[in-house]
Every structure is written in C-alpha cells, then in structure tokens.
Amino acid sequence: MNKESLFLCEAIELAYSNSVQGGRPFGALVVKDGEVIATGVNEILSTNDPTAHAEMTAIRHASRKLQSASLQGCTVYASGHPCPMCMAAMRLAGIAEVFYAYSNDDGAPFGLSTAAIYEDLAKPFSEQSMKIRYVPVRPEARPDLYADWKRRQESRA
C-alpha cells in the first residue's frame, strides 16, 4: 500500500472512532515530511461549533504544534471531501496537497455532501443563497483601517 493510502486509512480510522463516539464520520491528518504532525475529527456535535470540521481541527492542532500559521510543506489527508471552508483554510495555511477518500457523491445519500455549497459559491454574489453585499463604510474619525495596520506592522519590524 502506498503512503497516500496508508494516511487515508488512518484518517478513515479516526472517522470510524469518532462515529462510534457519537460524532460525525470525518477524520483528518496533517503530514509533514512523511510524519503525522496532527490529527483531527469532526467535533461539531460535541462542541456546537459549526467550524469544528476534522480538517479545521487538524489544522489548528498542527499550527499550534509547529507554532506557526503557515503550514507550507504539509499535506492534508481527509476521510471525506473537504468542504469549501476547509479548502479555504488549507489554502490560507499554505497547504499545497490534499487527498481525500470519500467523495461528495459517496456522501450524498447520507446527507454528507457539500456539493450544493460548492455550486452556490460558484455563482456571482448576487445569485447566491446568502445575501452578500459590499458596503464601503469608512469612519471619519479613524485612519484607513488597512493603511493603519500596515503602518503598525512596519513600525514593529
């Protein structure tokens, strides 16, 4: 069995274990240089946190372990197709590779697909199911927020 399959089997075992304990059937690993840096399971039901997906939990653990918000050089192995939130978080963290074992098609009959969210996000903001509007408010008594942040960053350097 190749390394991708071994890591995916480990993610699936985490998902089985989480399911047995009453959680949703999702597990994930963050791997760097062939070593598992962190693992995570879906904790939505136990924490009431809608962002506590297996991938997000694993990313949070990996970032703490590596003491860095950058996970460049890391790969994520997930039991199921990562949702758009998890994919975005992985991109923001600098993760370059993601492998998953169960597709949205596999999960659809069980209510475990995020394909509809991907479809909705592909539409222009005006056509999405969630109301999204750009309102360029700038408080008069304050400097520009982003310019102020940049100035503070440069003064700390």
N, C-alpha and C. Protein backbone atom coordinates (compact mmCIF):
# COMPACT_ATOMS: atom_id res chain seq x y z
N MET A 1 0.85 -1.18 0.00
CA MET A 1 0.00 0.00 0.00
C MET A 1 0.89 1.25 0.00
N ASN A 2 0.58 2.24 -0.85
CA ASN A 2 1.39 3.46 -0.91
C ASN A 2 1.10 4.37 0.29
N LYS A 3 1.95 5.38 0.46
CA LYS A 3 1.83 6.25 1.65
C LYS A 3 0.51 7.01 1.66
N GLU A 4 0.02 7.44 0.49
CA GLU A 4 -1.26 8.16 0.46
C GLU A 4 -2.38 7.27 0.99
N SER A 5 -2.40 6.03 0.56
CA SER A 5 -3.44 5.10 1.02
C SER A 5 -3.32 4.82 2.51
N LEU A 6 -2.08 4.69 3.00
CA LEU A 6 -1.88 4.45 4.44
C LEU A 6 -2.40 5.62 5.27
N PHE A 7 -2.06 6.85 4.86
CA PHE A 7 -2.52 8.02 5.60
C PHE A 7 -4.04 8.17 5.50
N LEU A 8 -4.60 7.87 4.33
CA LEU A 8 -6.05 7.94 4.18
C LEU A 8 -6.74 6.90 5.05
N CYS A 9 -6.17 5.71 5.14
CA CYS A 9 -6.74 4.68 6.03
C CYS A 9 -6.71 5.14 7.49
N GLU A 10 -5.65 5.85 7.86
CA GLU A 10 -5.57 6.38 9.23
C GLU A 10 -6.66 7.44 9.46
N ALA A 11 -6.89 8.29 8.46
CA ALA A 11 -7.95 9.29 8.57
C ALA A 11 -9.32 8.62 8.68
N ILE A 12 -9.51 7.56 7.92
CA ILE A 12 -10.77 6.82 7.96
C ILE A 12 -10.96 6.17 9.33
N GLU A 13 -9.89 5.63 9.90
CA GLU A 13 -9.99 5.03 11.24
C GLU A 13 -10.39 6.08 12.28
N LEU A 14 -9.84 7.29 12.16
CA LEU A 14 -10.26 8.38 13.05
C LEU A 14 -11.75 8.66 12.88
N ALA A 15 -12.21 8.63 11.63
CA ALA A 15 -13.63 8.88 11.35
C ALA A 15 -14.50 7.79 11.96
N TYR A 16 -14.10 6.53 11.82
CA TYR A 16 -14.85 5.43 12.45
C TYR A 16 -14.92 5.63 13.95
N SER A 17 -13.79 5.92 14.57
CA SER A 17 -13.72 6.10 16.01
C SER A 17 -14.62 7.25 16.46
N ASN A 18 -14.60 8.33 15.70
CA ASN A 18 -15.45 9.48 16.05
C ASN A 18 -16.92 9.12 15.92
N SER A 19 -17.25 8.36 14.90
CA SER A 19 -18.63 7.92 14.69
C SER A 19 -19.11 7.03 15.84
N VAL A 20 -18.25 6.12 16.27
CA VAL A 20 -18.59 5.22 17.39
C VAL A 20 -18.87 6.03 18.65
N GLN A 21 -18.17 7.16 18.80
CA GLN A 21 -18.33 8.00 19.99
C GLN A 21 -19.46 9.03 19.84
N GLY A 22 -20.24 8.90 18.77
CA GLY A 22 -21.39 9.78 18.57
C GLY A 22 -21.13 10.99 17.70
N GLY A 23 -19.92 11.10 17.15
CA GLY A 23 -19.61 12.22 16.28
C GLY A 23 -19.89 11.91 14.83
N ARG A 24 -19.65 12.88 13.99
CA ARG A 24 -19.84 12.70 12.55
C ARG A 24 -18.64 11.93 11.99
N PRO A 25 -18.83 11.17 10.91
CA PRO A 25 -17.79 10.26 10.40
C PRO A 25 -16.72 10.94 9.55
N PHE A 26 -15.93 11.82 10.20
CA PHE A 26 -14.87 12.50 9.48
C PHE A 26 -13.61 12.57 10.33
N GLY A 27 -12.47 12.28 9.69
CA GLY A 27 -11.16 12.37 10.33
C GLY A 27 -10.16 12.96 9.36
N ALA A 28 -9.11 13.57 9.89
CA ALA A 28 -8.10 14.18 9.02
C ALA A 28 -6.74 14.16 9.69
N LEU A 29 -5.71 14.16 8.85
CA LEU A 29 -4.32 14.22 9.30
C LEU A 29 -3.62 15.37 8.60
N VAL A 30 -2.69 15.98 9.31
CA VAL A 30 -1.75 16.91 8.68
C VAL A 30 -0.40 16.23 8.75
N VAL A 31 0.24 16.07 7.60
CA VAL A 31 1.51 15.34 7.49
C VAL A 31 2.57 16.27 6.93
N LYS A 32 3.76 16.21 7.53
CA LYS A 32 4.90 16.98 7.03
C LYS A 32 6.12 16.07 7.01
N ASP A 33 6.80 16.03 5.90
CA ASP A 33 8.00 15.20 5.73
C ASP A 33 7.73 13.74 6.11
N GLY A 34 6.56 13.24 5.74
CA GLY A 34 6.21 11.85 5.99
C GLY A 34 5.80 11.53 7.42
N GLU A 35 5.69 12.55 8.27
CA GLU A 35 5.33 12.35 9.68
C GLU A 35 3.99 13.03 9.97
N VAL A 36 3.14 12.33 10.71
CA VAL A 36 1.87 12.91 11.11
C VAL A 36 2.15 13.99 12.17
N ILE A 37 1.81 15.22 11.84
CA ILE A 37 2.02 16.36 12.73
C ILE A 37 0.81 16.52 13.66
N ALA A 38 -0.39 16.30 13.10
CA ALA A 38 -1.61 16.49 13.87
C ALA A 38 -2.74 15.69 13.26
N THR A 39 -3.73 15.41 14.09
CA THR A 39 -4.94 14.74 13.64
C THR A 39 -6.14 15.54 14.13
N GLY A 40 -7.27 15.27 13.52
CA GLY A 40 -8.50 15.91 13.96
C GLY A 40 -9.69 15.09 13.54
N VAL A 41 -10.75 15.24 14.28
CA VAL A 41 -12.03 14.62 13.95
C VAL A 41 -13.09 15.71 13.95
N ASN A 42 -14.22 15.41 13.35
CA ASN A 42 -15.32 16.35 13.32
C ASN A 42 -15.89 16.47 14.74
N GLU A 43 -15.87 17.69 15.29
CA GLU A 43 -16.33 17.93 16.65
C GLU A 43 -17.57 18.82 16.70
N ILE A 44 -18.27 18.94 15.59
CA ILE A 44 -19.44 19.82 15.54
C ILE A 44 -20.45 19.45 16.62
N LEU A 45 -20.79 18.18 16.73
CA LEU A 45 -21.82 17.76 17.67
C LEU A 45 -21.39 17.89 19.13
N SER A 46 -20.13 17.67 19.42
CA SER A 46 -19.66 17.74 20.81
C SER A 46 -19.38 19.17 21.27
N THR A 47 -19.14 20.09 20.33
CA THR A 47 -18.77 21.46 20.70
C THR A 47 -19.82 22.50 20.30
N ASN A 48 -20.77 22.09 19.46
CA ASN A 48 -21.74 23.02 18.89
C ASN A 48 -21.06 24.13 18.09
N ASP A 49 -19.90 23.82 17.55
CA ASP A 49 -19.13 24.75 16.73
C ASP A 49 -19.23 24.29 15.28
N PRO A 50 -19.94 25.04 14.44
CA PRO A 50 -20.10 24.61 13.04
C PRO A 50 -18.80 24.61 12.24
N THR A 51 -17.73 25.20 12.78
CA THR A 51 -16.44 25.20 12.08
C THR A 51 -15.53 24.07 12.55
N ALA A 52 -15.98 23.24 13.47
CA ALA A 52 -15.13 22.19 14.05
C ALA A 52 -15.10 20.95 13.17
N HIS A 53 -14.78 21.14 11.89
CA HIS A 53 -14.63 20.02 10.96
C HIS A 53 -13.30 19.32 11.25
N ALA A 54 -13.18 18.10 10.81
CA ALA A 54 -11.95 17.33 11.06
C ALA A 54 -10.72 18.05 10.53
N GLU A 55 -10.81 18.57 9.31
CA GLU A 55 -9.67 19.26 8.71
C GLU A 55 -9.31 20.52 9.50
N MET A 56 -10.32 21.28 9.91
CA MET A 56 -10.07 22.51 10.67
C MET A 56 -9.43 22.18 12.01
N THR A 57 -9.91 21.13 12.66
CA THR A 57 -9.36 20.72 13.95
C THR A 57 -7.90 20.29 13.78
N ALA A 58 -7.62 19.52 12.74
CA ALA A 58 -6.25 19.08 12.48
C ALA A 58 -5.34 20.27 12.16
N ILE A 59 -5.84 21.22 11.37
CA ILE A 59 -5.05 22.41 11.03
C ILE A 59 -4.73 23.20 12.30
N ARG A 60 -5.72 23.38 13.16
CA ARG A 60 -5.49 24.12 14.41
C ARG A 60 -4.43 23.43 15.26
N HIS A 61 -4.53 22.11 15.39
CA HIS A 61 -3.53 21.37 16.18
C HIS A 61 -2.14 21.47 15.55
N ALA A 62 -2.07 21.36 14.23
CA ALA A 62 -0.78 21.43 13.54
C ALA A 62 -0.16 22.81 13.70
N SER A 63 -0.95 23.85 13.57
CA SER A 63 -0.42 25.21 13.71
C SER A 63 0.11 25.45 15.12
N ARG A 64 -0.60 24.93 16.12
CA ARG A 64 -0.11 25.07 17.49
C ARG A 64 1.19 24.29 17.69
N LYS A 65 1.22 23.07 17.16
CA LYS A 65 2.41 22.23 17.33
C LYS A 65 3.63 22.86 16.65
N LEU A 66 3.43 23.38 15.45
CA LEU A 66 4.53 23.99 14.70
C LEU A 66 4.75 25.45 15.08
N GLN A 67 3.88 25.97 15.92
CA GLN A 67 3.93 27.38 16.37
C GLN A 67 4.02 28.33 15.18
N SER A 68 3.14 28.07 14.21
CA SER A 68 3.12 28.89 13.00
C SER A 68 1.75 28.79 12.33
N ALA A 69 1.30 29.91 11.78
CA ALA A 69 0.07 29.91 10.99
C ALA A 69 0.33 29.35 9.59
N SER A 70 1.60 29.24 9.22
CA SER A 70 1.97 28.69 7.92
C SER A 70 2.20 27.20 8.02
N LEU A 71 1.48 26.47 7.20
CA LEU A 71 1.66 25.01 7.13
C LEU A 71 2.23 24.62 5.77
N GLN A 72 3.08 25.49 5.22
CA GLN A 72 3.73 25.17 3.95
C GLN A 72 4.54 23.90 4.13
N GLY A 73 4.51 23.05 3.12
CA GLY A 73 5.22 21.78 3.20
C GLY A 73 4.39 20.68 3.81
N CYS A 74 3.18 21.00 4.23
CA CYS A 74 2.29 19.99 4.83
C CYS A 74 1.27 19.51 3.81
N THR A 75 0.79 18.29 4.05
CA THR A 75 -0.25 17.69 3.23
C THR A 75 -1.38 17.28 4.16
N VAL A 76 -2.61 17.44 3.70
CA VAL A 76 -3.77 17.00 4.48
C VAL A 76 -4.35 15.74 3.84
N TYR A 77 -4.65 14.78 4.70
CA TYR A 77 -5.33 13.54 4.31
C TYR A 77 -6.65 13.53 5.05
N ALA A 78 -7.75 13.50 4.31
CA ALA A 78 -9.08 13.58 4.92
C ALA A 78 -9.92 12.38 4.52
N SER A 79 -10.73 11.93 5.45
CA SER A 79 -11.60 10.80 5.14
C SER A 79 -12.64 11.17 4.09
N GLY A 80 -13.15 12.40 4.14
CA GLY A 80 -14.17 12.83 3.20
C GLY A 80 -13.75 14.08 2.44
N HIS A 81 -14.51 14.37 1.40
CA HIS A 81 -14.24 15.54 0.55
C HIS A 81 -14.32 16.79 1.41
N PRO A 82 -13.22 17.54 1.54
CA PRO A 82 -13.25 18.75 2.36
C PRO A 82 -14.25 19.77 1.81
N CYS A 83 -14.94 20.42 2.72
CA CYS A 83 -15.92 21.44 2.34
C CYS A 83 -15.18 22.71 1.90
N PRO A 84 -15.90 23.68 1.35
CA PRO A 84 -15.25 24.92 0.92
C PRO A 84 -14.54 25.67 2.06
N MET A 85 -15.09 25.65 3.26
CA MET A 85 -14.43 26.32 4.40
C MET A 85 -13.08 25.67 4.67
N CYS A 86 -13.06 24.36 4.69
CA CYS A 86 -11.81 23.65 4.97
C CYS A 86 -10.81 23.85 3.85
N MET A 87 -11.28 23.81 2.61
CA MET A 87 -10.39 24.05 1.47
C MET A 87 -9.78 25.45 1.55
N ALA A 88 -10.60 26.43 1.89
CA ALA A 88 -10.10 27.80 2.01
C ALA A 88 -9.08 27.90 3.13
N ALA A 89 -9.35 27.28 4.27
CA ALA A 89 -8.42 27.31 5.40
C ALA A 89 -7.09 26.67 5.01
N MET A 90 -7.16 25.56 4.29
CA MET A 90 -5.92 24.90 3.86
C MET A 90 -5.12 25.79 2.92
N ARG A 91 -5.80 26.49 2.02
CA ARG A 91 -5.12 27.41 1.11
C ARG A 91 -4.49 28.55 1.89
N LEU A 92 -5.24 29.12 2.85
CA LEU A 92 -4.71 30.23 3.65
C LEU A 92 -3.51 29.80 4.48
N ALA A 93 -3.49 28.53 4.88
CA ALA A 93 -2.37 28.00 5.67
C ALA A 93 -1.17 27.63 4.82
N GLY A 94 -1.33 27.62 3.51
CA GLY A 94 -0.22 27.30 2.63
C GLY A 94 -0.06 25.82 2.31
N ILE A 95 -1.07 25.04 2.64
CA ILE A 95 -1.03 23.61 2.33
C ILE A 95 -1.17 23.44 0.82
N ALA A 96 -0.28 22.67 0.24
CA ALA A 96 -0.24 22.55 -1.22
C ALA A 96 -0.91 21.29 -1.75
N GLU A 97 -1.10 20.27 -0.88
CA GLU A 97 -1.67 18.99 -1.33
C GLU A 97 -2.73 18.50 -0.37
N VAL A 98 -3.81 17.99 -0.95
CA VAL A 98 -4.91 17.42 -0.17
C VAL A 98 -5.34 16.12 -0.84
N PHE A 99 -5.50 15.08 -0.03
CA PHE A 99 -6.03 13.81 -0.50
C PHE A 99 -7.26 13.48 0.32
N TYR A 100 -8.29 12.93 -0.32
CA TYR A 100 -9.48 12.51 0.43
C TYR A 100 -9.99 11.18 -0.12
N ALA A 101 -10.63 10.41 0.76
CA ALA A 101 -11.02 9.05 0.41
C ALA A 101 -12.47 8.90 -0.04
N TYR A 102 -13.37 9.68 0.54
CA TYR A 102 -14.79 9.60 0.19
C TYR A 102 -15.20 10.90 -0.49
N SER A 103 -15.86 10.79 -1.64
CA SER A 103 -16.26 11.95 -2.42
C SER A 103 -17.61 12.50 -1.95
N ASN A 104 -17.97 13.67 -2.47
CA ASN A 104 -19.30 14.21 -2.21
C ASN A 104 -20.37 13.27 -2.74
N ASP A 105 -20.11 12.62 -3.87
CA ASP A 105 -21.07 11.64 -4.41
C ASP A 105 -21.25 10.48 -3.45
N ASP A 106 -20.15 10.04 -2.81
CA ASP A 106 -20.24 8.95 -1.83
C ASP A 106 -21.09 9.37 -0.63
N GLY A 107 -20.97 10.62 -0.22
CA GLY A 107 -21.66 11.10 0.97
C GLY A 107 -23.09 11.55 0.75
N ALA A 108 -23.44 11.89 -0.48
CA ALA A 108 -24.76 12.46 -0.78
C ALA A 108 -25.94 11.63 -0.27
N PRO A 109 -25.95 10.30 -0.45
CA PRO A 109 -27.11 9.53 0.03
C PRO A 109 -27.29 9.57 1.55
N PHE A 110 -26.27 10.05 2.26
CA PHE A 110 -26.30 10.04 3.72
C PHE A 110 -26.36 11.46 4.29
N GLY A 111 -26.57 12.45 3.43
CA GLY A 111 -26.61 13.84 3.87
C GLY A 111 -25.24 14.38 4.23
N LEU A 112 -24.18 13.80 3.66
CA LEU A 112 -22.81 14.18 4.00
C LEU A 112 -22.05 14.79 2.81
N SER A 113 -22.77 15.48 1.94
CA SER A 113 -22.15 16.10 0.78
C SER A 113 -22.20 17.62 0.92
N THR A 114 -21.15 18.27 0.47
CA THR A 114 -21.13 19.74 0.44
C THR A 114 -21.16 20.25 -1.01
N ALA A 115 -21.56 19.40 -1.93
CA ALA A 115 -21.59 19.78 -3.35
C ALA A 115 -22.48 20.99 -3.59
N ALA A 116 -23.62 21.07 -2.90
CA ALA A 116 -24.53 22.20 -3.09
C ALA A 116 -23.88 23.51 -2.66
N ILE A 117 -23.06 23.47 -1.63
CA ILE A 117 -22.36 24.68 -1.18
C ILE A 117 -21.34 25.11 -2.23
N TYR A 118 -20.60 24.13 -2.78
CA TYR A 118 -19.65 24.45 -3.85
C TYR A 118 -20.39 25.09 -5.03
N GLU A 119 -21.54 24.54 -5.40
CA GLU A 119 -22.32 25.06 -6.53
C GLU A 119 -22.77 26.49 -6.25
N ASP A 120 -23.26 26.74 -5.03
CA ASP A 120 -23.74 28.07 -4.67
C ASP A 120 -22.59 29.08 -4.69
N LEU A 121 -21.43 28.70 -4.16
CA LEU A 121 -20.28 29.61 -4.11
C LEU A 121 -19.74 29.94 -5.50
N ALA A 122 -20.01 29.10 -6.47
CA ALA A 122 -19.53 29.35 -7.84
C ALA A 122 -20.35 30.44 -8.54
N LYS A 123 -21.48 30.80 -7.97
CA LYS A 123 -22.34 31.83 -8.56
C LYS A 123 -21.84 33.22 -8.17
N PRO A 124 -22.20 34.24 -8.96
CA PRO A 124 -21.91 35.62 -8.54
C PRO A 124 -22.61 35.90 -7.20
N PHE A 125 -22.06 36.82 -6.40
CA PHE A 125 -22.66 37.12 -5.09
C PHE A 125 -24.16 37.39 -5.20
N SER A 126 -24.58 38.11 -6.22
CA SER A 126 -25.99 38.49 -6.35
C SER A 126 -26.91 37.30 -6.57
N GLU A 127 -26.36 36.16 -6.95
CA GLU A 127 -27.18 34.97 -7.21
C GLU A 127 -27.05 33.90 -6.11
N GLN A 128 -26.21 34.12 -5.13
CA GLN A 128 -26.01 33.13 -4.08
C GLN A 128 -27.18 33.15 -3.08
N SER A 129 -27.35 32.04 -2.38
CA SER A 129 -28.45 31.93 -1.42
C SER A 129 -28.26 32.80 -0.19
N MET A 130 -27.03 33.16 0.13
CA MET A 130 -26.75 34.04 1.26
C MET A 130 -26.58 35.46 0.74
N LYS A 131 -27.21 36.41 1.40
CA LYS A 131 -27.09 37.81 0.97
C LYS A 131 -25.68 38.31 1.31
N ILE A 132 -24.96 38.76 0.29
CA ILE A 132 -23.60 39.26 0.44
C ILE A 132 -23.53 40.62 -0.25
N ARG A 133 -23.21 41.65 0.52
CA ARG A 133 -23.17 42.99 -0.06
C ARG A 133 -21.92 43.73 0.39
N TYR A 134 -21.28 44.42 -0.53
CA TYR A 134 -20.13 45.28 -0.24
C TYR A 134 -20.67 46.66 0.11
N VAL A 135 -20.35 47.15 1.31
CA VAL A 135 -20.78 48.46 1.77
C VAL A 135 -19.52 49.19 2.26
N PRO A 136 -18.92 50.05 1.44
CA PRO A 136 -17.63 50.66 1.76
C PRO A 136 -17.71 51.78 2.81
N VAL A 137 -17.99 51.42 4.05
CA VAL A 137 -18.06 52.39 5.15
C VAL A 137 -16.65 52.68 5.65
N ARG A 138 -16.35 53.96 5.89
CA ARG A 138 -15.07 54.39 6.43
C ARG A 138 -15.35 55.43 7.52
N PRO A 139 -15.18 55.07 8.81
CA PRO A 139 -15.43 56.04 9.88
C PRO A 139 -14.54 57.29 9.70
N GLU A 140 -15.16 58.45 9.81
CA GLU A 140 -14.44 59.70 9.55
C GLU A 140 -13.35 59.98 10.58
N ALA A 141 -13.54 59.60 11.82
CA ALA A 141 -12.59 59.94 12.87
C ALA A 141 -11.42 58.96 12.97
N ARG A 142 -11.34 58.02 12.06
CA ARG A 142 -10.30 56.99 12.13
C ARG A 142 -9.48 56.99 10.86
N PRO A 143 -8.18 56.60 10.96
CA PRO A 143 -7.40 56.43 9.72
C PRO A 143 -7.90 55.20 8.97
N ASP A 144 -7.54 55.09 7.72
CA ASP A 144 -7.92 53.92 6.95
C ASP A 144 -7.44 52.66 7.67
N LEU A 145 -8.34 51.71 7.88
CA LEU A 145 -8.05 50.51 8.66
C LEU A 145 -6.84 49.75 8.14
N TYR A 146 -6.80 49.48 6.84
CA TYR A 146 -5.71 48.67 6.29
C TYR A 146 -4.39 49.43 6.27
N ALA A 147 -4.45 50.71 5.94
CA ALA A 147 -3.23 51.52 5.94
C ALA A 147 -2.67 51.63 7.36
N ASP A 148 -3.57 51.77 8.34
CA ASP A 148 -3.15 51.84 9.74
C ASP A 148 -2.49 50.53 10.17
N TRP A 149 -3.07 49.41 9.77
CA TRP A 149 -2.49 48.10 10.09
C TRP A 149 -1.10 47.98 9.48
N LYS A 150 -0.97 48.35 8.21
CA LYS A 150 0.33 48.25 7.52
C LYS A 150 1.38 49.11 8.22
N ARG A 151 1.02 50.32 8.62
CA ARG A 151 1.94 51.21 9.32
C ARG A 151 2.39 50.57 10.64
N ARG A 152 1.48 49.96 11.37
CA ARG A 152 1.82 49.32 12.65
C ARG A 152 2.75 48.12 12.42
N GLN A 153 2.51 47.35 11.36
CA GLN A 153 3.36 46.21 11.04
C GLN A 153 4.78 46.69 10.73
N GLU A 154 4.88 47.73 9.94
CA GLU A 154 6.20 48.25 9.55
C GLU A 154 6.94 48.83 10.74
N SER A 155 6.21 49.44 11.70
CA SER A 155 6.87 50.02 12.87
C SER A 155 7.36 48.94 13.84
N ARG A 156 6.79 47.73 13.76
CA ARG A 156 7.21 46.62 14.62
C ARG A 156 8.43 45.89 14.04
N ALA A 157 8.65 46.08 12.76
CA ALA A 157 9.74 45.36 12.08
C ALA A 157 11.11 45.90 12.40
